[in-house]
Amino acid sequence: MSSFEARVRGLPHLGIGVSTEYGAAGSPGSLDVAALRRKHPEFAGFLEVGLETVKGLDGPTQAWRAAGLPTTYHFLDVNLDEPEDFDAPWLDAVRGFIAALDPAWLCGDAGLWHFGPRDRGHMLLLPPILSDDAATAMAEGIVRLREETGREVLPENPPGHVFLGDLHLLDFFARVCERADTGLLLDAAHLALYQRTLGHAPTTGLDGFPLDRVVEVHVAGAGHAEVDGLAIVEDDHTPAVLPDTWTILEALAPRATELRAVVFECERNPLDDCLPGFRRIAATLAGSPFARRSAP
């Protein structure tokens, strides 16, 4: 297979889009993606479909595809570093959903979606161990999935409140990208939480990261919570985006030269509440390589 540098040239520019998962549109007050597309098409360039193969596609997602609109496939049920997860039934199901969605690429949080054998509805999601061996194992899984599906596979830095391992998160994913010869889905909100948890400035590590590997970026809100007396900041997909997340997006905008897609993860919130976030994303990206690619 050709190198990522060659393959990325063939990836489409999707623009700014939104995410969903099974049943999200049915929650009270949720974002109506069809209405967003009608009223503000510049913020609905594509739909990122979060998928557990055992759940499938809900009605709004099927309607989006029936209209021939662009998608990406965001997996919610595979541990990329576990070869056992790539069993034949799961791979067959993934290929079936690829045929249904025709996604521009596959992507998803590169962590632990389940502990032990995969089971319906696990949705655990823990960050990976940030070690060199774990980076190699994850890279092998990415290559396997890319070869099995014929689609580009973009790992995403997951959220978390505890991180184990001796590598900075960005150093870990730099190794994953190099060894898998792949691009990255950089979640700016998740990175902001990691940097805060470790006591780093929001953009620590970006200077040494190969930002030409960033193909997609996520922006999402976060809220303060308390769990058993421990104060945490939770990735909650509200429109209330942390200042640190905006700082990261501002740093990425001029330097992520291969950026093709930006998702505002706000799927369970009313459209009017989300519009300021969409507008700030567009304003932050104005004049960037991403915006210039969007211009035609």
C-alpha atoms as a PDB file:
ATOM      1  CA  MET A   1       0.000   0.000   0.000  1.00  0.00           C
ATOM      2  CA  SER A   2       1.179   3.522  -0.713  1.00  0.00           C
ATOM      3  CA  SER A   3       2.426   5.822   2.034  1.00  0.00           C
ATOM      4  CA  PHE A   4       0.152   8.030   4.127  1.00  0.00           C
ATOM      5  CA  GLU A   5       1.673  11.076   2.432  1.00  0.00           C
ATOM      6  CA  ALA A   6       0.358   9.754  -0.878  1.00  0.00           C
ATOM      7  CA  ARG A   7      -2.941   8.375   0.455  1.00  0.00           C
ATOM      8  CA  VAL A   8      -3.980  11.556   2.262  1.00  0.00           C
ATOM      9  CA  ARG A   9      -4.081  13.421  -1.047  1.00  0.00           C
ATOM     10  CA  GLY A  10      -6.998  11.231  -2.059  1.00  0.00           C
ATOM     11  CA  LEU A  11      -9.076  11.923   1.048  1.00  0.00           C
ATOM     12  CA  PRO A  12     -12.027  14.283   0.564  1.00  0.00           C
ATOM     13  CA  HIS A  13     -12.345  17.645   2.261  1.00  0.00           C
ATOM     14  CA  LEU A  14     -15.480  17.321   4.388  1.00  0.00           C
ATOM     15  CA  GLY A  15     -15.515  20.719   6.094  1.00  0.00           C
ATOM     16  CA  ILE A  16     -17.297  21.307   9.409  1.00  0.00           C
ATOM     17  CA  GLY A  17     -19.718  18.617  10.550  1.00  0.00           C
ATOM     18  CA  VAL A  18     -21.507  17.008  13.477  1.00  0.00           C
ATOM     19  CA  SER A  19     -21.482  13.678  15.254  1.00  0.00           C
ATOM     20  CA  THR A  20     -24.174  11.239  16.263  1.00  0.00           C
ATOM     21  CA  GLU A  21     -24.624   7.739  17.660  1.00  0.00           C
ATOM     22  CA  TYR A  22     -27.531   5.337  17.886  1.00  0.00           C
ATOM     23  CA  GLY A  23     -30.489   7.032  19.576  1.00  0.00           C
ATOM     24  CA  ALA A  24     -28.829  10.406  20.118  1.00  0.00           C
ATOM     25  CA  ALA A  25     -31.340  12.219  17.911  1.00  0.00           C
ATOM     26  CA  GLY A  26     -34.192  10.843  20.003  1.00  0.00           C
ATOM     27  CA  SER A  27     -33.053  12.500  23.227  1.00  0.00           C
ATOM     28  CA  PRO A  28     -35.185  15.491  24.327  1.00  0.00           C
ATOM     29  CA  GLY A  29     -33.752  18.727  22.976  1.00  0.00           C
ATOM     30  CA  SER A  30     -31.221  17.008  20.712  1.00  0.00           C
ATOM     31  CA  LEU A  31     -29.715  18.604  17.647  1.00  0.00           C
ATOM     32  CA  ASP A  32     -31.767  18.002  14.497  1.00  0.00           C
ATOM     33  CA  VAL A  33     -29.079  17.351  11.892  1.00  0.00           C
ATOM     34  CA  ALA A  34     -31.551  17.644   9.018  1.00  0.00           C
ATOM     35  CA  ALA A  35     -32.597  21.107  10.246  1.00  0.00           C
ATOM     36  CA  LEU A  36     -28.948  22.093  10.668  1.00  0.00           C
ATOM     37  CA  ARG A  37     -28.286  21.020   7.087  1.00  0.00           C
ATOM     38  CA  ARG A  38     -31.248  23.075   5.803  1.00  0.00           C
ATOM     39  CA  LYS A  39     -30.585  26.223   7.808  1.00  0.00           C
ATOM     40  CA  HIS A  40     -26.801  26.217   8.143  1.00  0.00           C
ATOM     41  CA  PRO A  41     -25.292  23.862   5.564  1.00  0.00           C
ATOM     42  CA  GLU A  42     -21.832  25.315   6.207  1.00  0.00           C
ATOM     43  CA  PHE A  43     -21.933  23.593   9.618  1.00  0.00           C
ATOM     44  CA  ALA A  44     -23.324  20.274   8.359  1.00  0.00           C
ATOM     45  CA  GLY A  45     -20.823  19.208   5.742  1.00  0.00           C
ATOM     46  CA  PHE A  46     -20.863  15.615   6.991  1.00  0.00           C
ATOM     47  CA  LEU A  47     -22.173  13.336   9.722  1.00  0.00           C
ATOM     48  CA  GLU A  48     -19.770  11.354  11.907  1.00  0.00           C
ATOM     49  CA  VAL A  49     -21.644   8.165  12.776  1.00  0.00           C
ATOM     50  CA  GLY A  50     -20.716   6.539  16.073  1.00  0.00           C
ATOM     51  CA  LEU A  51     -21.266   2.815  15.608  1.00  0.00           C
ATOM     52  CA  GLU A  52     -21.547  -0.263  17.748  1.00  0.00           C
ATOM     53  CA  THR A  53     -22.061  -3.049  15.234  1.00  0.00           C
ATOM     54  CA  VAL A  54     -24.679  -4.738  17.454  1.00  0.00           C
ATOM     55  CA  LYS A  55     -26.844  -1.595  17.425  1.00  0.00           C
ATOM     56  CA  GLY A  56     -26.590  -0.521  13.809  1.00  0.00           C
ATOM     57  CA  LEU A  57     -27.923   2.696  12.282  1.00  0.00           C
ATOM     58  CA  ASP A  58     -30.868   4.673  13.636  1.00  0.00           C
ATOM     59  CA  GLY A  59     -33.532   6.380  11.544  1.00  0.00           C
ATOM     60  CA  PRO A  60     -31.989   9.863  11.242  1.00  0.00           C
ATOM     61  CA  THR A  61     -28.668   8.380  10.153  1.00  0.00           C
ATOM     62  CA  GLN A  62     -30.385   6.235   7.546  1.00  0.00           C
ATOM     63  CA  ALA A  63     -32.225   9.293   6.262  1.00  0.00           C
ATOM     64  CA  TRP A  64     -28.954  11.217   6.018  1.00  0.00           C
ATOM     65  CA  ARG A  65     -27.430   8.445   3.932  1.00  0.00           C
ATOM     66  CA  ALA A  66     -30.568   8.059   1.814  1.00  0.00           C
ATOM     67  CA  ALA A  67     -30.042  11.703   0.828  1.00  0.00           C
ATOM     68  CA  GLY A  68     -26.533  10.801  -0.358  1.00  0.00           C
ATOM     69  CA  LEU A  69     -24.800  12.992   2.211  1.00  0.00           C
ATOM     70  CA  PRO A  70     -21.185  12.426   3.387  1.00  0.00           C
ATOM     71  CA  THR A  71     -20.275  10.423   6.481  1.00  0.00           C
ATOM     72  CA  THR A  72     -17.392   9.102   8.515  1.00  0.00           C
ATOM     73  CA  TYR A  73     -17.540   5.855  10.536  1.00  0.00           C
ATOM     74  CA  HIS A  74     -16.582   6.302  14.205  1.00  0.00           C
ATOM     75  CA  PHE A  75     -16.163   2.873  15.809  1.00  0.00           C
ATOM     76  CA  LEU A  76     -17.306   2.433  19.415  1.00  0.00           C
ATOM     77  CA  ASP A  77     -16.540  -1.241  19.964  1.00  0.00           C
ATOM     78  CA  VAL A  78     -12.952  -2.201  19.101  1.00  0.00           C
ATOM     79  CA  ASN A  79      -9.744  -2.220  21.130  1.00  0.00           C
ATOM     80  CA  LEU A  80      -7.206  -1.606  18.398  1.00  0.00           C
ATOM     81  CA  ASP A  81      -4.383  -3.173  20.394  1.00  0.00           C
ATOM     82  CA  GLU A  82      -6.199  -6.503  20.931  1.00  0.00           C
ATOM     83  CA  PRO A  83      -5.943  -8.940  17.972  1.00  0.00           C
ATOM     84  CA  GLU A  84      -8.854 -10.937  19.432  1.00  0.00           C
ATOM     85  CA  ASP A  85     -11.190  -8.051  18.630  1.00  0.00           C
ATOM     86  CA  PHE A  86     -10.704  -8.522  14.881  1.00  0.00           C
ATOM     87  CA  ASP A  87     -12.890 -11.618  14.694  1.00  0.00           C
ATOM     88  CA  ALA A  88     -14.674 -12.567  11.482  1.00  0.00           C
ATOM     89  CA  PRO A  89     -18.255 -11.682  12.580  1.00  0.00           C
ATOM     90  CA  TRP A  90     -17.213  -8.201  13.704  1.00  0.00           C
ATOM     91  CA  LEU A  91     -15.201  -7.559  10.541  1.00  0.00           C
ATOM     92  CA  ASP A  92     -18.106  -8.737   8.385  1.00  0.00           C
ATOM     93  CA  ALA A  93     -20.436  -6.366  10.221  1.00  0.00           C
ATOM     94  CA  VAL A  94     -18.001  -3.465   9.805  1.00  0.00           C
ATOM     95  CA  ARG A  95     -17.763  -4.132   6.069  1.00  0.00           C
ATOM     96  CA  GLY A  96     -21.556  -4.155   5.880  1.00  0.00           C
ATOM     97  CA  PHE A  97     -21.818  -0.754   7.543  1.00  0.00           C
ATOM     98  CA  ILE A  98     -19.077   0.590   5.288  1.00  0.00           C
ATOM     99  CA  ALA A  99     -21.165  -0.511   2.318  1.00  0.00           C
ATOM    100  CA  ALA A 100     -24.217   1.230   3.800  1.00  0.00           C
ATOM    101  CA  LEU A 101     -22.491   4.471   4.818  1.00  0.00           C
ATOM    102  CA  ASP A 102     -19.725   4.783   2.223  1.00  0.00           C
ATOM    103  CA  PRO A 103     -17.691   6.704   4.835  1.00  0.00           C
ATOM    104  CA  ALA A 104     -14.764   8.901   3.873  1.00  0.00           C
ATOM    105  CA  TRP A 105     -12.711   7.031   6.497  1.00  0.00           C
ATOM    106  CA  LEU A 106     -12.923   5.084   9.753  1.00  0.00           C
ATOM    107  CA  CYS A 107     -11.946   6.686  13.050  1.00  0.00           C
ATOM    108  CA  GLY A 108     -12.447   6.255  16.754  1.00  0.00           C
ATOM    109  CA  ASP A 109     -11.050   6.631  20.250  1.00  0.00           C
ATOM    110  CA  ALA A 110      -7.913   4.508  20.462  1.00  0.00           C
ATOM    111  CA  GLY A 111      -8.370   3.181  23.971  1.00  0.00           C
ATOM    112  CA  LEU A 112     -10.230   0.403  25.771  1.00  0.00           C
ATOM    113  CA  TRP A 113     -13.869   0.218  24.713  1.00  0.00           C
ATOM    114  CA  HIS A 114     -14.313  -2.945  26.756  1.00  0.00           C
ATOM    115  CA  PHE A 115     -12.439  -4.967  29.382  1.00  0.00           C
ATOM    116  CA  GLY A 116     -12.367  -8.698  28.745  1.00  0.00           C
ATOM    117  CA  PRO A 117     -14.421 -10.203  25.910  1.00  0.00           C
ATOM    118  CA  ARG A 118     -16.429  -7.745  23.847  1.00  0.00           C
ATOM    119  CA  ASP A 119     -20.054  -7.647  24.972  1.00  0.00           C
ATOM    120  CA  ARG A 120     -23.073  -5.622  23.908  1.00  0.00           C
ATOM    121  CA  GLY A 121     -23.252  -2.199  25.488  1.00  0.00           C
ATOM    122  CA  HIS A 122     -19.871  -2.192  27.252  1.00  0.00           C
ATOM    123  CA  MET A 123     -18.895   1.339  26.156  1.00  0.00           C
ATOM    124  CA  LEU A 124     -16.186   1.513  28.826  1.00  0.00           C
ATOM    125  CA  LEU A 125     -13.593   3.741  27.106  1.00  0.00           C
ATOM    126  CA  LEU A 126     -10.369   4.096  29.038  1.00  0.00           C
ATOM    127  CA  PRO A 127      -7.204   5.694  27.644  1.00  0.00           C
ATOM    128  CA  PRO A 128      -4.364   3.446  26.468  1.00  0.00           C
ATOM    129  CA  ILE A 129      -1.234   2.776  28.493  1.00  0.00           C
ATOM    130  CA  LEU A 130       1.129   5.480  27.236  1.00  0.00           C
ATOM    131  CA  SER A 131       4.131   3.239  26.606  1.00  0.00           C
ATOM    132  CA  ASP A 132       6.250   2.317  23.614  1.00  0.00           C
ATOM    133  CA  ASP A 133       5.008  -1.291  23.547  1.00  0.00           C
ATOM    134  CA  ALA A 134       1.386  -0.155  23.618  1.00  0.00           C
ATOM    135  CA  ALA A 135       2.049   2.216  20.709  1.00  0.00           C
ATOM    136  CA  THR A 136       3.391  -0.683  18.647  1.00  0.00           C
ATOM    137  CA  ALA A 137       0.409  -2.907  19.455  1.00  0.00           C
ATOM    138  CA  MET A 138      -2.037  -0.153  18.569  1.00  0.00           C
ATOM    139  CA  ALA A 139      -0.256   0.574  15.304  1.00  0.00           C
ATOM    140  CA  GLU A 140      -0.513  -3.088  14.337  1.00  0.00           C
ATOM    141  CA  GLY A 141      -4.271  -3.010  14.929  1.00  0.00           C
ATOM    142  CA  ILE A 142      -4.679   0.124  12.815  1.00  0.00           C
ATOM    143  CA  VAL A 143      -2.789  -1.461   9.922  1.00  0.00           C
ATOM    144  CA  ARG A 144      -4.898  -4.626  10.253  1.00  0.00           C
ATOM    145  CA  LEU A 145      -8.186  -2.694  10.168  1.00  0.00           C
ATOM    146  CA  ARG A 146      -7.027  -0.590   7.231  1.00  0.00           C
ATOM    147  CA  GLU A 147      -6.086  -3.700   5.276  1.00  0.00           C
ATOM    148  CA  GLU A 148      -9.310  -5.537   6.199  1.00  0.00           C
ATOM    149  CA  THR A 149     -11.584  -2.667   5.164  1.00  0.00           C
ATOM    150  CA  GLY A 150      -9.679  -0.784   2.490  1.00  0.00           C
ATOM    151  CA  ARG A 151     -10.394   2.489   4.321  1.00  0.00           C
ATOM    152  CA  GLU A 152      -8.112   4.896   6.091  1.00  0.00           C
ATOM    153  CA  VAL A 153      -8.225   4.393   9.894  1.00  0.00           C
ATOM    154  CA  LEU A 154      -7.620   7.448  12.090  1.00  0.00           C
ATOM    155  CA  PRO A 155      -6.981   6.826  15.802  1.00  0.00           C
ATOM    156  CA  GLU A 156      -8.354   9.412  18.218  1.00  0.00           C
ATOM    157  CA  ASN A 157      -6.835  10.439  21.551  1.00  0.00           C
ATOM    158  CA  PRO A 158      -9.454   9.331  24.135  1.00  0.00           C
ATOM    159  CA  PRO A 159     -10.625  11.205  27.227  1.00  0.00           C
ATOM    160  CA  GLY A 160      -9.585  10.190  30.723  1.00  0.00           C
ATOM    161  CA  HIS A 161      -8.950  11.269  34.296  1.00  0.00           C
ATOM    162  CA  VAL A 162      -6.051   8.906  35.018  1.00  0.00           C
ATOM    163  CA  PHE A 163      -3.226   8.236  32.567  1.00  0.00           C
ATOM    164  CA  LEU A 164      -0.613   5.510  32.988  1.00  0.00           C
ATOM    165  CA  GLY A 165       2.708   5.225  31.164  1.00  0.00           C
ATOM    166  CA  ASP A 166       5.930   7.145  30.673  1.00  0.00           C
ATOM    167  CA  LEU A 167       5.085   8.988  27.431  1.00  0.00           C
ATOM    168  CA  HIS A 168       3.307  12.273  26.907  1.00  0.00           C
ATOM    169  CA  LEU A 169       0.010  11.644  25.110  1.00  0.00           C
ATOM    170  CA  LEU A 170       1.185  13.415  21.953  1.00  0.00           C
ATOM    171  CA  ASP A 171       4.490  11.537  21.932  1.00  0.00           C
ATOM    172  CA  PHE A 172       2.540   8.288  22.219  1.00  0.00           C
ATOM    173  CA  PHE A 173       0.315   9.113  19.256  1.00  0.00           C
ATOM    174  CA  ALA A 174       3.258  10.369  17.229  1.00  0.00           C
ATOM    175  CA  ARG A 175       4.744   6.874  17.563  1.00  0.00           C
ATOM    176  CA  VAL A 176       1.406   5.257  16.698  1.00  0.00           C
ATOM    177  CA  CYS A 177       1.085   7.403  13.565  1.00  0.00           C
ATOM    178  CA  GLU A 178       4.641   6.693  12.446  1.00  0.00           C
ATOM    179  CA  ARG A 179       4.443   2.926  12.995  1.00  0.00           C
ATOM    180  CA  ALA A 180       0.995   2.562  11.430  1.00  0.00           C
ATOM    181  CA  ASP A 181       1.811   5.141   8.732  1.00  0.00           C
ATOM    182  CA  THR A 182      -1.517   6.770   9.432  1.00  0.00           C
ATOM    183  CA  GLY A 183      -3.159  10.084  10.164  1.00  0.00           C
ATOM    184  CA  LEU A 184      -4.765  11.186  13.422  1.00  0.00           C
ATOM    185  CA  LEU A 185      -8.111  12.394  14.667  1.00  0.00           C
ATOM    186  CA  LEU A 186      -6.996  14.941  17.261  1.00  0.00           C
ATOM    187  CA  ASP A 187      -9.700  15.633  19.813  1.00  0.00           C
ATOM    188  CA  ALA A 188      -8.889  19.111  21.129  1.00  0.00           C
ATOM    189  CA  ALA A 189     -11.298  18.738  24.065  1.00  0.00           C
ATOM    190  CA  HIS A 190      -9.753  15.423  25.137  1.00  0.00           C
ATOM    191  CA  LEU A 191      -6.258  16.874  24.798  1.00  0.00           C
ATOM    192  CA  ALA A 192      -7.268  19.874  26.947  1.00  0.00           C
ATOM    193  CA  LEU A 193      -8.450  17.510  29.700  1.00  0.00           C
ATOM    194  CA  TYR A 194      -5.228  15.480  29.499  1.00  0.00           C
ATOM    195  CA  GLN A 195      -3.035  18.587  29.711  1.00  0.00           C
ATOM    196  CA  ARG A 196      -5.025  19.903  32.676  1.00  0.00           C
ATOM    197  CA  THR A 197      -4.859  16.550  34.486  1.00  0.00           C
ATOM    198  CA  LEU A 198      -1.071  16.358  34.064  1.00  0.00           C
ATOM    199  CA  GLY A 199      -0.524  20.017  34.951  1.00  0.00           C
ATOM    200  CA  HIS A 200       0.648  21.025  31.465  1.00  0.00           C
ATOM    201  CA  ALA A 201      -0.145  24.109  29.424  1.00  0.00           C
ATOM    202  CA  PRO A 202      -2.812  23.445  26.760  1.00  0.00           C
ATOM    203  CA  THR A 203      -0.377  23.269  23.840  1.00  0.00           C
ATOM    204  CA  THR A 204       2.455  21.350  25.542  1.00  0.00           C
ATOM    205  CA  GLY A 205       3.860  18.803  23.092  1.00  0.00           C
ATOM    206  CA  LEU A 206       2.303  20.256  19.936  1.00  0.00           C
ATOM    207  CA  ASP A 207       5.599  21.741  18.751  1.00  0.00           C
ATOM    208  CA  GLY A 208       7.127  18.270  18.486  1.00  0.00           C
ATOM    209  CA  PHE A 209       4.085  16.563  16.986  1.00  0.00           C
ATOM    210  CA  PRO A 210       3.845  15.977  13.200  1.00  0.00           C
ATOM    211  CA  LEU A 211       0.762  18.125  12.656  1.00  0.00           C
ATOM    212  CA  ASP A 212       0.654  17.217   8.973  1.00  0.00           C
ATOM    213  CA  ARG A 213      -0.749  13.884  10.248  1.00  0.00           C
ATOM    214  CA  VAL A 214      -3.880  15.563  11.659  1.00  0.00           C
ATOM    215  CA  VAL A 215      -6.739  14.799   9.259  1.00  0.00           C
ATOM    216  CA  GLU A 216      -9.672  15.449  11.575  1.00  0.00           C
ATOM    217  CA  VAL A 217     -10.255  17.532  14.716  1.00  0.00           C
ATOM    218  CA  HIS A 218     -12.998  17.339  17.339  1.00  0.00           C
ATOM    219  CA  VAL A 219     -14.245  20.221  19.469  1.00  0.00           C
ATOM    220  CA  ALA A 220     -16.641  19.620  22.366  1.00  0.00           C
ATOM    221  CA  GLY A 221     -17.754  21.151  25.620  1.00  0.00           C
ATOM    222  CA  ALA A 222     -16.887  20.011  29.121  1.00  0.00           C
ATOM    223  CA  GLY A 223     -18.381  20.510  32.557  1.00  0.00           C
ATOM    224  CA  HIS A 224     -17.246  20.360  36.147  1.00  0.00           C
ATOM    225  CA  ALA A 225     -18.415  17.412  38.245  1.00  0.00           C
ATOM    226  CA  GLU A 226     -17.659  15.713  41.528  1.00  0.00           C
ATOM    227  CA  VAL A 227     -17.322  11.936  41.920  1.00  0.00           C
ATOM    228  CA  ASP A 228     -16.961  10.584  45.468  1.00  0.00           C
ATOM    229  CA  GLY A 229     -15.469  13.890  46.572  1.00  0.00           C
ATOM    230  CA  LEU A 230     -13.071  14.117  43.620  1.00  0.00           C
ATOM    231  CA  ALA A 231     -13.501  17.230  41.456  1.00  0.00           C
ATOM    232  CA  ILE A 232     -13.157  16.420  37.759  1.00  0.00           C
ATOM    233  CA  VAL A 233     -13.818  18.039  34.403  1.00  0.00           C
ATOM    234  CA  GLU A 234     -16.015  15.774  32.297  1.00  0.00           C
ATOM    235  CA  ASP A 235     -16.095  15.576  28.492  1.00  0.00           C
ATOM    236  CA  ASP A 236     -19.869  16.065  28.182  1.00  0.00           C
ATOM    237  CA  HIS A 237     -20.459  17.242  24.581  1.00  0.00           C
ATOM    238  CA  THR A 238     -22.292  20.376  25.680  1.00  0.00           C
ATOM    239  CA  PRO A 239     -21.785  23.649  23.764  1.00  0.00           C
ATOM    240  CA  ALA A 240     -19.752  25.030  26.719  1.00  0.00           C
ATOM    241  CA  VAL A 241     -16.247  24.644  25.281  1.00  0.00           C
ATOM    242  CA  LEU A 242     -13.287  25.121  27.634  1.00  0.00           C
ATOM    243  CA  PRO A 243     -10.933  28.044  26.916  1.00  0.00           C
ATOM    244  CA  ASP A 244      -8.070  25.515  26.746  1.00  0.00           C
ATOM    245  CA  THR A 245      -9.841  23.685  23.919  1.00  0.00           C
ATOM    246  CA  TRP A 246     -10.120  26.914  21.914  1.00  0.00           C
ATOM    247  CA  THR A 247      -6.427  27.586  22.586  1.00  0.00           C
ATOM    248  CA  ILE A 248      -5.542  24.190  21.114  1.00  0.00           C
ATOM    249  CA  LEU A 249      -7.729  24.739  18.039  1.00  0.00           C
ATOM    250  CA  GLU A 250      -6.128  28.162  17.511  1.00  0.00           C
ATOM    251  CA  ALA A 251      -2.680  26.561  17.637  1.00  0.00           C
ATOM    252  CA  LEU A 252      -3.682  23.811  15.199  1.00  0.00           C
ATOM    253  CA  ALA A 253      -5.440  26.002  12.624  1.00  0.00           C
ATOM    254  CA  PRO A 254      -2.404  27.413  10.766  1.00  0.00           C
ATOM    255  CA  ARG A 255      -0.245  24.285  11.121  1.00  0.00           C
ATOM    256  CA  ALA A 256      -2.509  21.301  10.417  1.00  0.00           C
ATOM    257  CA  THR A 257      -1.901  21.403   6.682  1.00  0.00           C
ATOM    258  CA  GLU A 258      -3.778  18.167   5.873  1.00  0.00           C
ATOM    259  CA  LEU A 259      -6.861  18.876   8.004  1.00  0.00           C
ATOM    260  CA  ARG A 260      -9.950  17.675   6.143  1.00  0.00           C
ATOM    261  CA  ALA A 261     -12.733  17.630   8.738  1.00  0.00           C
ATOM    262  CA  VAL A 262     -13.754  19.332  11.980  1.00  0.00           C
ATOM    263  CA  VAL A 263     -16.571  17.992  14.166  1.00  0.00           C
ATOM    264  CA  PHE A 264     -18.436  19.997  16.795  1.00  0.00           C
ATOM    265  CA  GLU A 265     -19.666  17.293  19.159  1.00  0.00           C
ATOM    266  CA  CYS A 266     -22.909  18.769  20.443  1.00  0.00           C
ATOM    267  CA  GLU A 267     -25.433  16.187  19.301  1.00  0.00           C
ATOM    268  CA  ARG A 268     -27.656  16.212  22.410  1.00  0.00           C
ATOM    269  CA  ASN A 269     -28.232  19.982  22.504  1.00  0.00           C
ATOM    270  CA  PRO A 270     -30.674  22.347  20.722  1.00  0.00           C
ATOM    271  CA  LEU A 271     -29.522  23.951  17.501  1.00  0.00           C
ATOM    272  CA  ASP A 272     -29.686  27.538  18.787  1.00  0.00           C
ATOM    273  CA  ASP A 273     -27.433  26.633  21.729  1.00  0.00           C
ATOM    274  CA  CYS A 274     -24.850  25.144  19.356  1.00  0.00           C
ATOM    275  CA  LEU A 275     -24.640  27.945  16.791  1.00  0.00           C
ATOM    276  CA  PRO A 276     -22.161  30.162  18.722  1.00  0.00           C
ATOM    277  CA  GLY A 277     -19.760  27.212  18.914  1.00  0.00           C
ATOM    278  CA  PHE A 278     -20.058  26.476  15.206  1.00  0.00           C
ATOM    279  CA  ARG A 279     -19.437  30.139  14.404  1.00  0.00           C
ATOM    280  CA  ARG A 280     -16.377  30.311  16.626  1.00  0.00           C
ATOM    281  CA  ILE A 281     -14.939  27.172  15.002  1.00  0.00           C
ATOM    282  CA  ALA A 282     -15.400  28.739  11.558  1.00  0.00           C
ATOM    283  CA  ALA A 283     -13.880  32.033  12.703  1.00  0.00           C
ATOM    284  CA  THR A 284     -10.888  30.274  14.278  1.00  0.00           C
ATOM    285  CA  LEU A 285     -10.218  28.367  11.060  1.00  0.00           C
ATOM    286  CA  ALA A 286     -10.628  31.423   8.796  1.00  0.00           C
ATOM    287  CA  GLY A 287      -7.509  31.937   6.702  1.00  0.00           C
ATOM    288  CA  SER A 288      -6.100  28.515   7.589  1.00  0.00           C
ATOM    289  CA  PRO A 289      -5.127  25.785   5.092  1.00  0.00           C
ATOM    290  CA  PHE A 290      -8.420  24.101   6.056  1.00  0.00           C
ATOM    291  CA  ALA A 291     -10.453  27.201   5.138  1.00  0.00           C
ATOM    292  CA  ARG A 292      -8.561  27.707   1.888  1.00  0.00           C
ATOM    293  CA  ARG A 293      -9.334  24.131   0.913  1.00  0.00           C
ATOM    294  CA  SER A 294     -13.016  24.817   1.671  1.00  0.00           C
ATOM    295  CA  ALA A 295     -13.164  27.975  -0.444  1.00  0.00           C
ATOM    296  CA  PRO A 296     -14.123  26.454  -3.831  1.00  0.00           C
END
